[in-house]
């Protein structure tokens, strides 16, 4: 589990790169490089307020993969209210 101050989703990863997606830590945030198709699916999930999982790693290996999970939560905090 990685905490981050910000997340950048880059939808320019080419399918010919051999990766499903790539994640890397930049400064105090996270950059996730995804294909244009995954970006469109992510956009739709955000519009629909649905959870979404991005699987990172090479396409042709059975190695352990990394996952970036986008989860909608119920926030009970009243921060900055009023």
Protein backbone atom coordinates (compact mmCIF):
# COMPACT_ATOMS: atom_id res chain seq x y z
CA UNK A 1 0.00 0.00 0.00
CA UNK A 2 1.39 3.39 -1.01
CA UNK A 3 0.04 6.72 0.18
CA UNK A 4 0.40 9.63 -2.22
CA UNK A 5 -0.30 13.35 -2.28
CA UNK A 6 -1.43 13.17 -5.89
CA UNK A 7 -2.01 10.70 -8.73
CA UNK A 8 -1.31 11.29 -12.42
CA UNK A 9 -2.95 9.04 -15.01
CA UNK A 10 -1.08 9.12 -18.33
CA UNK A 11 -3.08 7.54 -21.16
CA UNK A 12 -0.29 7.43 -23.75
CA UNK A 13 1.14 3.94 -23.07
CA UNK A 14 1.36 2.00 -26.33
CA UNK A 15 0.10 -1.58 -26.39
CA UNK A 16 3.30 -2.52 -28.26
CA UNK A 17 5.34 -1.60 -25.14
CA UNK A 18 4.67 -5.04 -23.67
CA UNK A 19 3.10 -3.61 -20.50
CA UNK A 20 -0.47 -3.74 -19.26
CA UNK A 21 0.26 -0.55 -17.31
CA UNK A 22 3.19 0.97 -15.41
CA UNK A 23 3.20 2.69 -12.04
CA UNK A 24 6.00 4.75 -10.55
CA UNK A 25 6.51 7.05 -7.61
CA UNK A 26 7.27 10.65 -8.62
CA UNK A 27 8.15 13.09 -5.84
CA UNK A 28 5.39 12.49 -3.27
CA UNK A 29 2.82 11.20 -5.76
CA UNK A 30 2.08 8.31 -8.07
CA UNK A 31 2.15 8.25 -11.88
CA UNK A 32 0.22 5.49 -13.63
CA UNK A 33 0.86 5.01 -17.35
CA UNK A 34 -2.04 3.25 -19.07
CA UNK A 35 -3.23 2.55 -22.60
CA UNK A 36 -5.82 4.81 -24.24
CA UNK A 37 -8.38 1.98 -23.95
CA UNK A 38 -7.80 1.67 -20.21
CA UNK A 39 -8.01 5.46 -19.88
CA UNK A 40 -11.44 5.45 -21.51
CA UNK A 41 -12.58 2.66 -19.15
CA UNK A 42 -11.23 4.61 -16.18
CA UNK A 43 -13.07 7.76 -17.28
CA UNK A 44 -16.32 5.82 -17.59
CA UNK A 45 -15.83 4.25 -14.15
CA UNK A 46 -15.25 7.70 -12.64
CA UNK A 47 -18.37 9.08 -14.34
CA UNK A 48 -20.38 6.13 -13.02
CA UNK A 49 -18.73 6.36 -9.55
CA UNK A 50 -17.60 2.74 -9.79
CA UNK A 51 -14.47 1.17 -8.30
CA UNK A 52 -11.73 0.45 -10.84
CA UNK A 53 -8.57 -1.68 -10.77
CA UNK A 54 -5.55 -1.15 -13.01
CA UNK A 55 -3.21 -4.13 -13.31
CA UNK A 56 0.42 -3.10 -13.83
CA UNK A 57 3.22 -5.23 -15.22
CA UNK A 58 4.37 -6.98 -18.37
CA UNK A 59 1.74 -8.64 -20.54
CA UNK A 60 3.70 -11.83 -21.23
CA UNK A 61 4.86 -12.81 -17.73
CA UNK A 62 3.06 -14.69 -15.00
CA UNK A 63 4.97 -12.77 -12.33
CA UNK A 64 3.31 -11.04 -9.41
CA UNK A 65 1.55 -7.95 -10.65
CA UNK A 66 1.03 -4.57 -9.03
CA UNK A 67 -2.47 -3.16 -8.79
CA UNK A 68 -3.72 0.41 -8.60
CA UNK A 69 -7.18 0.37 -7.04
CA UNK A 70 -9.48 3.38 -7.32
CA UNK A 71 -12.17 2.98 -4.66
CA UNK A 72 -15.16 5.13 -3.80
CA UNK A 73 -15.65 5.47 -0.06
CA UNK A 74 -18.18 7.05 2.24
CA UNK A 75 -16.48 9.94 4.02
CA UNK A 76 -18.07 10.91 7.33
CA UNK A 77 -15.63 13.77 7.99
CA UNK A 78 -16.98 17.29 8.04
CA UNK A 79 -13.65 18.91 7.11
CA UNK A 80 -13.90 22.55 6.01
CA UNK A 81 -17.65 22.49 6.45
CA UNK A 82 -19.13 26.00 6.44
